[in-house]
Amino acid sequence: MVNRMPVNMSERIVSTPGTCGGKPRIAGHRIRVQDVAIWYERLGMTPDAIVDEYPTITLSDVHVALAYYYDHVEEIQQQIREGEAYAAEMAAKTPSLLRQKLAERNEKNKVSS
């Protein structure tokens, strides 16, 4: 008989003001539940692949994070949307150095032609 201890999600998934923006994360790590959800759902990573990529977490950590995600889908999806909107806003406000350098090179080439 396998002795299974119940998972206490409140000990495994924590939210701390000032750490990861207060977003739910794996206890003892800066890996947010939304990160695990994105890796799993959008990038198609398996739980084993996630652990291979981030060996400081366990397979159990990944499964607990996914369980938390599925129990709080709307909340986590809203956090993801807000993060994407913020990233898009910052990208629009901050010019790409590569694009800036390419534009300067193009202008220089036009002048010398």
PDB file of N, CA and C in Angstrom:
ATOM      1  N   MET A   1       0.842  -1.187   0.000  1.00  0.00           N
ATOM      2  CA  MET A   1       0.000   0.000   0.000  1.00  0.00           C
ATOM      3  C   MET A   1       0.889   1.253   0.000  1.00  0.00           C
ATOM      4  N   VAL A   2       0.565   2.192  -0.872  1.00  0.00           N
ATOM      5  CA  VAL A   2       1.324   3.428  -0.974  1.00  0.00           C
ATOM      6  C   VAL A   2       0.763   4.436   0.018  1.00  0.00           C
ATOM      7  N   ASN A   3       1.638   4.998   0.810  1.00  0.00           N
ATOM      8  CA  ASN A   3       1.222   6.017   1.768  1.00  0.00           C
ATOM      9  C   ASN A   3       1.293   7.373   1.079  1.00  0.00           C
ATOM     10  N   ARG A   4       0.163   7.956   0.807  1.00  0.00           N
ATOM     11  CA  ARG A   4       0.118   9.243   0.125  1.00  0.00           C
ATOM     12  C   ARG A   4      -0.267  10.324   1.113  1.00  0.00           C
ATOM     13  N   MET A   5       0.577  11.337   1.148  1.00  0.00           N
ATOM     14  CA  MET A   5       0.273  12.468   2.017  1.00  0.00           C
ATOM     15  C   MET A   5      -0.546  13.471   1.223  1.00  0.00           C
ATOM     16  N   PRO A   6      -1.558  14.041   1.821  1.00  0.00           N
ATOM     17  CA  PRO A   6      -2.344  15.032   1.100  1.00  0.00           C
ATOM     18  C   PRO A   6      -1.491  16.264   0.787  1.00  0.00           C
ATOM     19  N   VAL A   7      -1.755  16.847  -0.352  1.00  0.00           N
ATOM     20  CA  VAL A   7      -1.032  18.048  -0.767  1.00  0.00           C
ATOM     21  C   VAL A   7      -1.720  19.256  -0.154  1.00  0.00           C
ATOM     22  N   ASN A   8      -0.958  20.033   0.597  1.00  0.00           N
ATOM     23  CA  ASN A   8      -1.485  21.264   1.152  1.00  0.00           C
ATOM     24  C   ASN A   8      -1.066  22.394   0.223  1.00  0.00           C
ATOM     25  N   MET A   9      -1.979  22.778  -0.661  1.00  0.00           N
ATOM     26  CA  MET A   9      -1.654  23.752  -1.687  1.00  0.00           C
ATOM     27  C   MET A   9      -1.228  25.088  -1.093  1.00  0.00           C
ATOM     28  N   SER A  10      -1.763  25.456   0.050  1.00  0.00           N
ATOM     29  CA  SER A  10      -1.409  26.747   0.645  1.00  0.00           C
ATOM     30  C   SER A  10       0.034  26.787   1.133  1.00  0.00           C
ATOM     31  N   GLU A  11       0.647  25.627   1.302  1.00  0.00           N
ATOM     32  CA  GLU A  11       2.059  25.578   1.664  1.00  0.00           C
ATOM     33  C   GLU A  11       2.953  25.476   0.437  1.00  0.00           C
ATOM     34  N   ARG A  12       2.414  24.979  -0.661  1.00  0.00           N
ATOM     35  CA  ARG A  12       3.212  24.745  -1.874  1.00  0.00           C
ATOM     36  C   ARG A  12       3.126  25.904  -2.860  1.00  0.00           C
ATOM     37  N   ILE A  13       2.007  26.608  -2.863  1.00  0.00           N
ATOM     38  CA  ILE A  13       1.814  27.770  -3.729  1.00  0.00           C
ATOM     39  C   ILE A  13       1.590  28.956  -2.812  1.00  0.00           C
ATOM     40  N   VAL A  14       2.438  29.977  -2.955  1.00  0.00           N
ATOM     41  CA  VAL A  14       2.365  31.130  -2.064  1.00  0.00           C
ATOM     42  C   VAL A  14       2.283  32.417  -2.880  1.00  0.00           C
ATOM     43  N   SER A  15       1.762  33.441  -2.255  1.00  0.00           N
ATOM     44  CA  SER A  15       1.739  34.794  -2.819  1.00  0.00           C
ATOM     45  C   SER A  15       2.340  35.707  -1.765  1.00  0.00           C
ATOM     46  N   THR A  16       3.405  36.375  -2.142  1.00  0.00           N
ATOM     47  CA  THR A  16       4.106  37.245  -1.207  1.00  0.00           C
ATOM     48  C   THR A  16       4.204  38.638  -1.803  1.00  0.00           C
ATOM     49  N   PRO A  17       3.640  39.651  -1.128  1.00  0.00           N
ATOM     50  CA  PRO A  17       3.798  41.006  -1.646  1.00  0.00           C
ATOM     51  C   PRO A  17       5.291  41.325  -1.819  1.00  0.00           C
ATOM     52  N   GLY A  18       5.625  41.908  -2.944  1.00  0.00           N
ATOM     53  CA  GLY A  18       7.015  42.272  -3.194  1.00  0.00           C
ATOM     54  C   GLY A  18       7.844  41.177  -3.860  1.00  0.00           C
ATOM     55  N   THR A  19       7.293  39.990  -3.997  1.00  0.00           N
ATOM     56  CA  THR A  19       7.985  38.905  -4.696  1.00  0.00           C
ATOM     57  C   THR A  19       7.129  38.496  -5.885  1.00  0.00           C
ATOM     58  N   CYS A  20       7.697  38.597  -7.057  1.00  0.00           N
ATOM     59  CA  CYS A  20       6.978  38.255  -8.298  1.00  0.00           C
ATOM     60  C   CYS A  20       5.657  39.020  -8.417  1.00  0.00           C
ATOM     61  N   GLY A  21       5.673  40.261  -7.966  1.00  0.00           N
ATOM     62  CA  GLY A  21       4.470  41.086  -8.067  1.00  0.00           C
ATOM     63  C   GLY A  21       3.307  40.576  -7.245  1.00  0.00           C
ATOM     64  N   GLY A  22       3.601  39.738  -6.247  1.00  0.00           N
ATOM     65  CA  GLY A  22       2.533  39.191  -5.408  1.00  0.00           C
ATOM     66  C   GLY A  22       1.744  38.084  -6.083  1.00  0.00           C
ATOM     67  N   LYS A  23       2.188  37.664  -7.265  1.00  0.00           N
ATOM     68  CA  LYS A  23       1.485  36.609  -8.006  1.00  0.00           C
ATOM     69  C   LYS A  23       1.751  35.246  -7.354  1.00  0.00           C
ATOM     70  N   PRO A  24       0.803  34.316  -7.465  1.00  0.00           N
ATOM     71  CA  PRO A  24       1.012  32.981  -6.914  1.00  0.00           C
ATOM     72  C   PRO A  24       2.229  32.323  -7.566  1.00  0.00           C
ATOM     73  N   ARG A  25       3.065  31.707  -6.722  1.00  0.00           N
ATOM     74  CA  ARG A  25       4.299  31.097  -7.210  1.00  0.00           C
ATOM     75  C   ARG A  25       4.584  29.843  -6.401  1.00  0.00           C
ATOM     76  N   ILE A  26       5.513  29.048  -6.916  1.00  0.00           N
ATOM     77  CA  ILE A  26       5.930  27.841  -6.209  1.00  0.00           C
ATOM     78  C   ILE A  26       6.753  28.286  -5.002  1.00  0.00           C
ATOM     79  N   ALA A  27       6.389  27.819  -3.833  1.00  0.00           N
ATOM     80  CA  ALA A  27       7.069  28.208  -2.588  1.00  0.00           C
ATOM     81  C   ALA A  27       8.568  27.953  -2.706  1.00  0.00           C
ATOM     82  N   GLY A  28       9.343  28.944  -2.287  1.00  0.00           N
ATOM     83  CA  GLY A  28      10.792  28.819  -2.311  1.00  0.00           C
ATOM     84  C   GLY A  28      11.420  29.131  -3.662  1.00  0.00           C
ATOM     85  N   HIS A  29      10.610  29.533  -4.615  1.00  0.00           N
ATOM     86  CA  HIS A  29      11.082  29.810  -5.969  1.00  0.00           C
ATOM     87  C   HIS A  29      10.430  31.090  -6.486  1.00  0.00           C
ATOM     88  N   ARG A  30      10.988  31.618  -7.553  1.00  0.00           N
ATOM     89  CA  ARG A  30      10.402  32.773  -8.216  1.00  0.00           C
ATOM     90  C   ARG A  30       9.674  32.343  -9.495  1.00  0.00           C
ATOM     91  N   ILE A  31       9.263  31.107  -9.531  1.00  0.00           N
ATOM     92  CA  ILE A  31       8.530  30.574 -10.676  1.00  0.00           C
ATOM     93  C   ILE A  31       7.046  30.676 -10.366  1.00  0.00           C
ATOM     94  N   ARG A  32       6.385  31.532 -11.154  1.00  0.00           N
ATOM     95  CA  ARG A  32       4.965  31.785 -10.923  1.00  0.00           C
ATOM     96  C   ARG A  32       4.102  30.682 -11.525  1.00  0.00           C
ATOM     97  N   VAL A  33       2.917  30.542 -10.971  1.00  0.00           N
ATOM     98  CA  VAL A  33       1.943  29.601 -11.504  1.00  0.00           C
ATOM     99  C   VAL A  33       1.671  29.930 -12.967  1.00  0.00           C
ATOM    100  N   GLN A  34       1.559  31.207 -13.297  1.00  0.00           N
ATOM    101  CA  GLN A  34       1.279  31.578 -14.679  1.00  0.00           C
ATOM    102  C   GLN A  34       2.418  31.174 -15.610  1.00  0.00           C
ATOM    103  N   ASP A  35       3.649  31.170 -15.127  1.00  0.00           N
ATOM    104  CA  ASP A  35       4.772  30.711 -15.950  1.00  0.00           C
ATOM    105  C   ASP A  35       4.594  29.239 -16.304  1.00  0.00           C
ATOM    106  N   VAL A  36       4.284  28.438 -15.296  1.00  0.00           N
ATOM    107  CA  VAL A  36       4.090  26.998 -15.507  1.00  0.00           C
ATOM    108  C   VAL A  36       2.924  26.767 -16.471  1.00  0.00           C
ATOM    109  N   ALA A  37       1.841  27.522 -16.301  1.00  0.00           N
ATOM    110  CA  ALA A  37       0.677  27.378 -17.179  1.00  0.00           C
ATOM    111  C   ALA A  37       1.034  27.715 -18.624  1.00  0.00           C
ATOM    112  N   ILE A  38       1.793  28.770 -18.832  1.00  0.00           N
ATOM    113  CA  ILE A  38       2.206  29.159 -20.186  1.00  0.00           C
ATOM    114  C   ILE A  38       3.106  28.093 -20.791  1.00  0.00           C
ATOM    115  N   TRP A  39       4.073  27.619 -20.023  1.00  0.00           N
ATOM    116  CA  TRP A  39       4.977  26.589 -20.539  1.00  0.00           C
ATOM    117  C   TRP A  39       4.197  25.344 -20.947  1.00  0.00           C
ATOM    118  N   TYR A  40       3.226  24.983 -20.129  1.00  0.00           N
ATOM    119  CA  TYR A  40       2.459  23.763 -20.356  1.00  0.00           C
ATOM    120  C   TYR A  40       1.453  23.929 -21.494  1.00  0.00           C
ATOM    121  N   GLU A  41       0.629  24.973 -21.418  1.00  0.00           N
ATOM    122  CA  GLU A  41      -0.458  25.129 -22.384  1.00  0.00           C
ATOM    123  C   GLU A  41      -0.025  25.761 -23.702  1.00  0.00           C
ATOM    124  N   ARG A  42       0.729  26.832 -23.648  1.00  0.00           N
ATOM    125  CA  ARG A  42       1.081  27.552 -24.877  1.00  0.00           C
ATOM    126  C   ARG A  42       2.314  26.989 -25.565  1.00  0.00           C
ATOM    127  N   LEU A  43       3.301  26.591 -24.785  1.00  0.00           N
ATOM    128  CA  LEU A  43       4.536  26.093 -25.382  1.00  0.00           C
ATOM    129  C   LEU A  43       4.553  24.578 -25.532  1.00  0.00           C
ATOM    130  N   GLY A  44       3.543  23.920 -24.958  1.00  0.00           N
ATOM    131  CA  GLY A  44       3.426  22.478 -25.115  1.00  0.00           C
ATOM    132  C   GLY A  44       4.469  21.673 -24.362  1.00  0.00           C
ATOM    133  N   MET A  45       5.062  22.282 -23.333  1.00  0.00           N
ATOM    134  CA  MET A  45       6.060  21.545 -22.546  1.00  0.00           C
ATOM    135  C   MET A  45       5.350  20.558 -21.629  1.00  0.00           C
ATOM    136  N   THR A  46       5.902  19.377 -21.508  1.00  0.00           N
ATOM    137  CA  THR A  46       5.367  18.406 -20.557  1.00  0.00           C
ATOM    138  C   THR A  46       5.872  18.775 -19.163  1.00  0.00           C
ATOM    139  N   PRO A  47       5.228  18.278 -18.115  1.00  0.00           N
ATOM    140  CA  PRO A  47       5.761  18.512 -16.771  1.00  0.00           C
ATOM    141  C   PRO A  47       7.217  18.054 -16.630  1.00  0.00           C
ATOM    142  N   ASP A  48       7.553  16.911 -17.226  1.00  0.00           N
ATOM    143  CA  ASP A  48       8.945  16.447 -17.176  1.00  0.00           C
ATOM    144  C   ASP A  48       9.886  17.428 -17.871  1.00  0.00           C
ATOM    145  N   ALA A  49       9.476  17.973 -19.005  1.00  0.00           N
ATOM    146  CA  ALA A  49      10.309  18.936 -19.734  1.00  0.00           C
ATOM    147  C   ALA A  49      10.498  20.216 -18.922  1.00  0.00           C
ATOM    148  N   ILE A  50       9.456  20.622 -18.206  1.00  0.00           N
ATOM    149  CA  ILE A  50       9.567  21.810 -17.358  1.00  0.00           C
ATOM    150  C   ILE A  50      10.610  21.582 -16.272  1.00  0.00           C
ATOM    151  N   VAL A  51      10.565  20.412 -15.642  1.00  0.00           N
ATOM    152  CA  VAL A  51      11.544  20.083 -14.599  1.00  0.00           C
ATOM    153  C   VAL A  51      12.948  20.003 -15.198  1.00  0.00           C
ATOM    154  N   ASP A  52      13.067  19.443 -16.397  1.00  0.00           N
ATOM    155  CA  ASP A  52      14.376  19.384 -17.056  1.00  0.00           C
ATOM    156  C   ASP A  52      14.924  20.786 -17.298  1.00  0.00           C
ATOM    157  N   GLU A  53      14.049  21.701 -17.671  1.00  0.00           N
ATOM    158  CA  GLU A  53      14.462  23.085 -17.949  1.00  0.00           C
ATOM    159  C   GLU A  53      14.726  23.872 -16.661  1.00  0.00           C
ATOM    160  N   TYR A  54      13.995  23.559 -15.617  1.00  0.00           N
ATOM    161  CA  TYR A  54      14.111  24.257 -14.323  1.00  0.00           C
ATOM    162  C   TYR A  54      14.319  23.212 -13.221  1.00  0.00           C
ATOM    163  N   PRO A  55      15.519  22.679 -13.110  1.00  0.00           N
ATOM    164  CA  PRO A  55      15.755  21.552 -12.205  1.00  0.00           C
ATOM    165  C   PRO A  55      15.678  21.879 -10.714  1.00  0.00           C
ATOM    166  N   THR A  56      15.488  23.140 -10.355  1.00  0.00           N
ATOM    167  CA  THR A  56      15.340  23.459  -8.932  1.00  0.00           C
ATOM    168  C   THR A  56      13.929  23.155  -8.426  1.00  0.00           C
ATOM    169  N   ILE A  57      13.003  22.888  -9.354  1.00  0.00           N
ATOM    170  CA  ILE A  57      11.650  22.513  -8.937  1.00  0.00           C
ATOM    171  C   ILE A  57      11.463  21.027  -9.208  1.00  0.00           C
ATOM    172  N   THR A  58      10.464  20.455  -8.550  1.00  0.00           N
ATOM    173  CA  THR A  58      10.198  19.025  -8.695  1.00  0.00           C
ATOM    174  C   THR A  58       8.984  18.802  -9.580  1.00  0.00           C
ATOM    175  N   LEU A  59       8.821  17.578 -10.002  1.00  0.00           N
ATOM    176  CA  LEU A  59       7.641  17.207 -10.774  1.00  0.00           C
ATOM    177  C   LEU A  59       6.374  17.484  -9.967  1.00  0.00           C
ATOM    178  N   SER A  60       6.448  17.229  -8.684  1.00  0.00           N
ATOM    179  CA  SER A  60       5.321  17.521  -7.803  1.00  0.00           C
ATOM    180  C   SER A  60       5.004  19.014  -7.801  1.00  0.00           C
ATOM    181  N   ASP A  61       6.051  19.867  -7.774  1.00  0.00           N
ATOM    182  CA  ASP A  61       5.839  21.319  -7.828  1.00  0.00           C
ATOM    183  C   ASP A  61       5.061  21.717  -9.082  1.00  0.00           C
ATOM    184  N   VAL A  62       5.447  21.137 -10.212  1.00  0.00           N
ATOM    185  CA  VAL A  62       4.779  21.455 -11.478  1.00  0.00           C
ATOM    186  C   VAL A  62       3.318  21.040 -11.421  1.00  0.00           C
ATOM    187  N   HIS A  63       3.058  19.853 -10.921  1.00  0.00           N
ATOM    188  CA  HIS A  63       1.668  19.376 -10.859  1.00  0.00           C
ATOM    189  C   HIS A  63       0.831  20.195  -9.883  1.00  0.00           C
ATOM    190  N   VAL A  64       1.428  20.605  -8.776  1.00  0.00           N
ATOM    191  CA  VAL A  64       0.692  21.448  -7.825  1.00  0.00           C
ATOM    192  C   VAL A  64       0.399  22.811  -8.465  1.00  0.00           C
ATOM    193  N   ALA A  65       1.373  23.357  -9.185  1.00  0.00           N
ATOM    194  CA  ALA A  65       1.159  24.643  -9.860  1.00  0.00           C
ATOM    195  C   ALA A  65       0.051  24.523 -10.901  1.00  0.00           C
ATOM    196  N   LEU A  66       0.044  23.429 -11.648  1.00  0.00           N
ATOM    197  CA  LEU A  66      -1.023  23.230 -12.638  1.00  0.00           C
ATOM    198  C   LEU A  66      -2.377  23.026 -11.969  1.00  0.00           C
ATOM    199  N   ALA A  67      -2.410  22.303 -10.857  1.00  0.00           N
ATOM    200  CA  ALA A  67      -3.670  22.132 -10.123  1.00  0.00           C
ATOM    201  C   ALA A  67      -4.183  23.482  -9.636  1.00  0.00           C
ATOM    202  N   TYR A  68      -3.279  24.301  -9.111  1.00  0.00           N
ATOM    203  CA  TYR A  68      -3.668  25.645  -8.657  1.00  0.00           C
ATOM    204  C   TYR A  68      -4.201  26.450  -9.839  1.00  0.00           C
ATOM    205  N   TYR A  69      -3.501  26.371 -10.956  1.00  0.00           N
ATOM    206  CA  TYR A  69      -3.931  27.096 -12.158  1.00  0.00           C
ATOM    207  C   TYR A  69      -5.347  26.691 -12.551  1.00  0.00           C
ATOM    208  N   TYR A  70      -5.610  25.389 -12.623  1.00  0.00           N
ATOM    209  CA  TYR A  70      -6.933  24.941 -13.044  1.00  0.00           C
ATOM    210  C   TYR A  70      -8.016  25.279 -12.025  1.00  0.00           C
ATOM    211  N   ASP A  71      -7.637  25.445 -10.766  1.00  0.00           N
ATOM    212  CA  ASP A  71      -8.601  25.888  -9.754  1.00  0.00           C
ATOM    213  C   ASP A  71      -8.838  27.400  -9.814  1.00  0.00           C
ATOM    214  N   HIS A  72      -7.946  28.138 -10.491  1.00  0.00           N
ATOM    215  CA  HIS A  72      -8.021  29.605 -10.552  1.00  0.00           C
ATOM    216  C   HIS A  72      -7.795  30.111 -11.974  1.00  0.00           C
ATOM    217  N   VAL A  73      -8.352  29.416 -12.955  1.00  0.00           N
ATOM    218  CA  VAL A  73      -8.081  29.717 -14.370  1.00  0.00           C
ATOM    219  C   VAL A  73      -8.356  31.174 -14.719  1.00  0.00           C
ATOM    220  N   GLU A  74      -9.504  31.677 -14.378  1.00  0.00           N
ATOM    221  CA  GLU A  74      -9.856  33.052 -14.769  1.00  0.00           C
ATOM    222  C   GLU A  74      -8.881  34.065 -14.179  1.00  0.00           C
ATOM    223  N   GLU A  75      -8.566  33.905 -12.908  1.00  0.00           N
ATOM    224  CA  GLU A  75      -7.631  34.815 -12.226  1.00  0.00           C
ATOM    225  C   GLU A  75      -6.252  34.769 -12.880  1.00  0.00           C
ATOM    226  N   ILE A  76      -5.737  33.584 -13.134  1.00  0.00           N
ATOM    227  CA  ILE A  76      -4.398  33.447 -13.708  1.00  0.00           C
ATOM    228  C   ILE A  76      -4.395  33.932 -15.154  1.00  0.00           C
ATOM    229  N   GLN A  77      -5.435  33.611 -15.925  1.00  0.00           N
ATOM    230  CA  GLN A  77      -5.514  34.103 -17.310  1.00  0.00           C
ATOM    231  C   GLN A  77      -5.564  35.630 -17.348  1.00  0.00           C
ATOM    232  N   GLN A  78      -6.254  36.237 -16.391  1.00  0.00           N
ATOM    233  CA  GLN A  78      -6.302  37.703 -16.313  1.00  0.00           C
ATOM    234  C   GLN A  78      -4.907  38.258 -16.017  1.00  0.00           C
ATOM    235  N   GLN A  79      -4.171  37.623 -15.117  1.00  0.00           N
ATOM    236  CA  GLN A  79      -2.803  38.053 -14.813  1.00  0.00           C
ATOM    237  C   GLN A  79      -1.909  37.943 -16.046  1.00  0.00           C
ATOM    238  N   ILE A  80      -2.091  36.884 -16.815  1.00  0.00           N
ATOM    239  CA  ILE A  80      -1.311  36.707 -18.044  1.00  0.00           C
ATOM    240  C   ILE A  80      -1.647  37.820 -19.036  1.00  0.00           C
ATOM    241  N   ARG A  81      -2.932  38.099 -19.218  1.00  0.00           N
ATOM    242  CA  ARG A  81      -3.343  39.173 -20.146  1.00  0.00           C
ATOM    243  C   ARG A  81      -2.777  40.512 -19.711  1.00  0.00           C
ATOM    244  N   GLU A  82      -2.833  40.791 -18.403  1.00  0.00           N
ATOM    245  CA  GLU A  82      -2.295  42.052 -17.893  1.00  0.00           C
ATOM    246  C   GLU A  82      -0.789  42.147 -18.136  1.00  0.00           C
ATOM    247  N   GLY A  83      -0.082  41.049 -17.939  1.00  0.00           N
ATOM    248  CA  GLY A  83       1.362  41.029 -18.187  1.00  0.00           C
ATOM    249  C   GLY A  83       1.683  41.255 -19.655  1.00  0.00           C
ATOM    250  N   GLU A  84       0.902  40.641 -20.532  1.00  0.00           N
ATOM    251  CA  GLU A  84       1.116  40.822 -21.972  1.00  0.00           C
ATOM    252  C   GLU A  84       0.815  42.254 -22.394  1.00  0.00           C
ATOM    253  N   ALA A  85      -0.242  42.841 -21.824  1.00  0.00           N
ATOM    254  CA  ALA A  85      -0.579  44.233 -22.145  1.00  0.00           C
ATOM    255  C   ALA A  85       0.518  45.175 -21.663  1.00  0.00           C
ATOM    256  N   TYR A  86       1.045  44.922 -20.482  1.00  0.00           N
ATOM    257  CA  TYR A  86       2.131  45.749 -19.942  1.00  0.00           C
ATOM    258  C   TYR A  86       3.379  45.632 -20.822  1.00  0.00           C
ATOM    259  N   ALA A  87       3.703  44.414 -21.241  1.00  0.00           N
ATOM    260  CA  ALA A  87       4.877  44.205 -22.097  1.00  0.00           C
ATOM    261  C   ALA A  87       4.699  44.934 -23.428  1.00  0.00           C
ATOM    262  N   ALA A  88       3.505  44.878 -23.989  1.00  0.00           N
ATOM    263  CA  ALA A  88       3.244  45.568 -25.256  1.00  0.00           C
ATOM    264  C   ALA A  88       3.341  47.082 -25.081  1.00  0.00           C
ATOM    265  N   GLU A  89       2.840  47.581 -23.965  1.00  0.00           N
ATOM    266  CA  GLU A  89       2.913  49.013 -23.672  1.00  0.00           C
ATOM    267  C   GLU A  89       4.370  49.462 -23.533  1.00  0.00           C
ATOM    268  N   MET A  90       5.158  48.685 -22.814  1.00  0.00           N
ATOM    269  CA  MET A  90       6.573  49.034 -22.640  1.00  0.00           C
ATOM    270  C   MET A  90       7.334  48.951 -23.962  1.00  0.00           C
ATOM    271  N   ALA A  91       7.006  47.961 -24.790  1.00  0.00           N
ATOM    272  CA  ALA A  91       7.659  47.827 -26.095  1.00  0.00           C
ATOM    273  C   ALA A  91       7.329  49.026 -26.975  1.00  0.00           C
ATOM    274  N   ALA A  92       6.090  49.506 -26.892  1.00  0.00           N
ATOM    275  CA  ALA A  92       5.691  50.664 -27.695  1.00  0.00           C
ATOM    276  C   ALA A  92       6.394  51.937 -27.220  1.00  0.00           C
ATOM    277  N   LYS A  93       6.655  52.033 -25.921  1.00  0.00           N
ATOM    278  CA  LYS A  93       7.299  53.224 -25.359  1.00  0.00           C
ATOM    279  C   LYS A  93       8.814  53.192 -25.500  1.00  0.00           C
ATOM    280  N   THR A  94       9.373  52.008 -25.636  1.00  0.00           N
ATOM    281  CA  THR A  94      10.827  51.853 -25.665  1.00  0.00           C
ATOM    282  C   THR A  94      11.248  51.432 -27.067  1.00  0.00           C
ATOM    283  N   PRO A  95      11.926  52.320 -27.777  1.00  0.00           N
ATOM    284  CA  PRO A  95      12.323  51.950 -29.139  1.00  0.00           C
ATOM    285  C   PRO A  95      13.351  50.819 -29.131  1.00  0.00           C
ATOM    286  N   SER A  96      13.239  49.975 -30.108  1.00  0.00           N
ATOM    287  CA  SER A  96      14.180  48.875 -30.267  1.00  0.00           C
ATOM    288  C   SER A  96      15.528  49.432 -30.701  1.00  0.00           C
ATOM    289  N   LEU A  97      16.585  49.093 -29.961  1.00  0.00           N
ATOM    290  CA  LEU A  97      17.920  49.555 -30.330  1.00  0.00           C
ATOM    291  C   LEU A  97      18.330  48.983 -31.682  1.00  0.00           C
ATOM    292  N   LEU A  98      17.947  47.745 -31.953  1.00  0.00           N
ATOM    293  CA  LEU A  98      18.273  47.132 -33.236  1.00  0.00           C
ATOM    294  C   LEU A  98      17.596  47.894 -34.374  1.00  0.00           C
ATOM    295  N   ARG A  99      16.310  48.187 -34.223  1.00  0.00           N
ATOM    296  CA  ARG A  99      15.600  48.937 -35.270  1.00  0.00           C
ATOM    297  C   ARG A  99      16.195  50.328 -35.440  1.00  0.00           C
ATOM    298  N   GLN A 100      16.565  50.939 -34.336  1.00  0.00           N
ATOM    299  CA  GLN A 100      17.174  52.267 -34.389  1.00  0.00           C
ATOM    300  C   GLN A 100      18.498  52.215 -35.154  1.00  0.00           C
ATOM    301  N   LYS A 101      19.346  51.240 -34.867  1.00  0.00           N
ATOM    302  CA  LYS A 101      20.641  51.093 -35.549  1.00  0.00           C
ATOM    303  C   LYS A 101      20.442  50.787 -37.033  1.00  0.00           C
ATOM    304  N   LEU A 102      19.470  49.938 -37.356  1.00  0.00           N
ATOM    305  CA  LEU A 102      19.194  49.625 -38.761  1.00  0.00           C
ATOM    306  C   LEU A 102      18.700  50.858 -39.509  1.00  0.00           C
ATOM    307  N   ALA A 103      17.855  51.652 -38.862  1.00  0.00           N
ATOM    308  CA  ALA A 103      17.366  52.883 -39.493  1.00  0.00           C
ATOM    309  C   ALA A 103      18.517  53.850 -39.724  1.00  0.00           C
ATOM    310  N   GLU A 104      19.414  53.968 -38.745  1.00  0.00           N
ATOM    311  CA  GLU A 104      20.579  54.841 -38.908  1.00  0.00           C
ATOM    312  C   GLU A 104      21.460  54.349 -40.048  1.00  0.00           C
ATOM    313  N   ARG A 105      21.661  53.057 -40.144  1.00  0.00           N
ATOM    314  CA  ARG A 105      22.477  52.488 -41.223  1.00  0.00           C
ATOM    315  C   ARG A 105      21.831  52.760 -42.584  1.00  0.00           C
ATOM    316  N   ASN A 106      20.519  52.581 -42.660  1.00  0.00           N
ATOM    317  CA  ASN A 106      19.794  52.841 -43.907  1.00  0.00           C
ATOM    318  C   ASN A 106      19.924  54.311 -44.309  1.00  0.00           C
ATOM    319  N   GLU A 107      19.810  55.207 -43.348  1.00  0.00           N
ATOM    320  CA  GLU A 107      19.931  56.639 -43.635  1.00  0.00           C
ATOM    321  C   GLU A 107      21.356  56.940 -44.119  1.00  0.00           C
ATOM    322  N   LYS A 108      22.331  56.353 -43.475  1.00  0.00           N
ATOM    323  CA  LYS A 108      23.741  56.557 -43.847  1.00  0.00           C
ATOM    324  C   LYS A 108      23.993  56.046 -45.265  1.00  0.00           C
ATOM    325  N   ASN A 109      23.407  54.884 -45.595  1.00  0.00           N
ATOM    326  CA  ASN A 109      23.565  54.315 -46.935  1.00  0.00           C
ATOM    327  C   ASN A 109      22.884  55.176 -47.993  1.00  0.00           C
ATOM    328  N   LYS A 110      21.736  55.781 -47.656  1.00  0.00           N
ATOM    329  CA  LYS A 110      21.036  56.658 -48.595  1.00  0.00           C
ATOM    330  C   LYS A 110      21.856  57.904 -48.901  1.00  0.00           C
ATOM    331  N   VAL A 111      22.498  58.465 -47.871  1.00  0.00           N
ATOM    332  CA  VAL A 111      23.278  59.676 -48.025  1.00  0.00           C
ATOM    333  C   VAL A 111      24.524  59.409 -48.870  1.00  0.00           C
ATOM    334  N   SER A 112      25.156  58.256 -48.652  1.00  0.00           N
ATOM    335  CA  SER A 112      26.404  57.953 -49.368  1.00  0.00           C
ATOM    336  C   SER A 112      26.157  57.432 -50.784  1.00  0.00           C
ATOM    337  N   SER A 113      24.904  57.136 -51.140  1.00  0.00           N
ATOM    338  CA  SER A 113      24.607  56.612 -52.485  1.00  0.00           C
ATOM    339  C   SER A 113      24.484  57.673 -53.517  1.00  0.00           C
TER     340      SER A 113
END
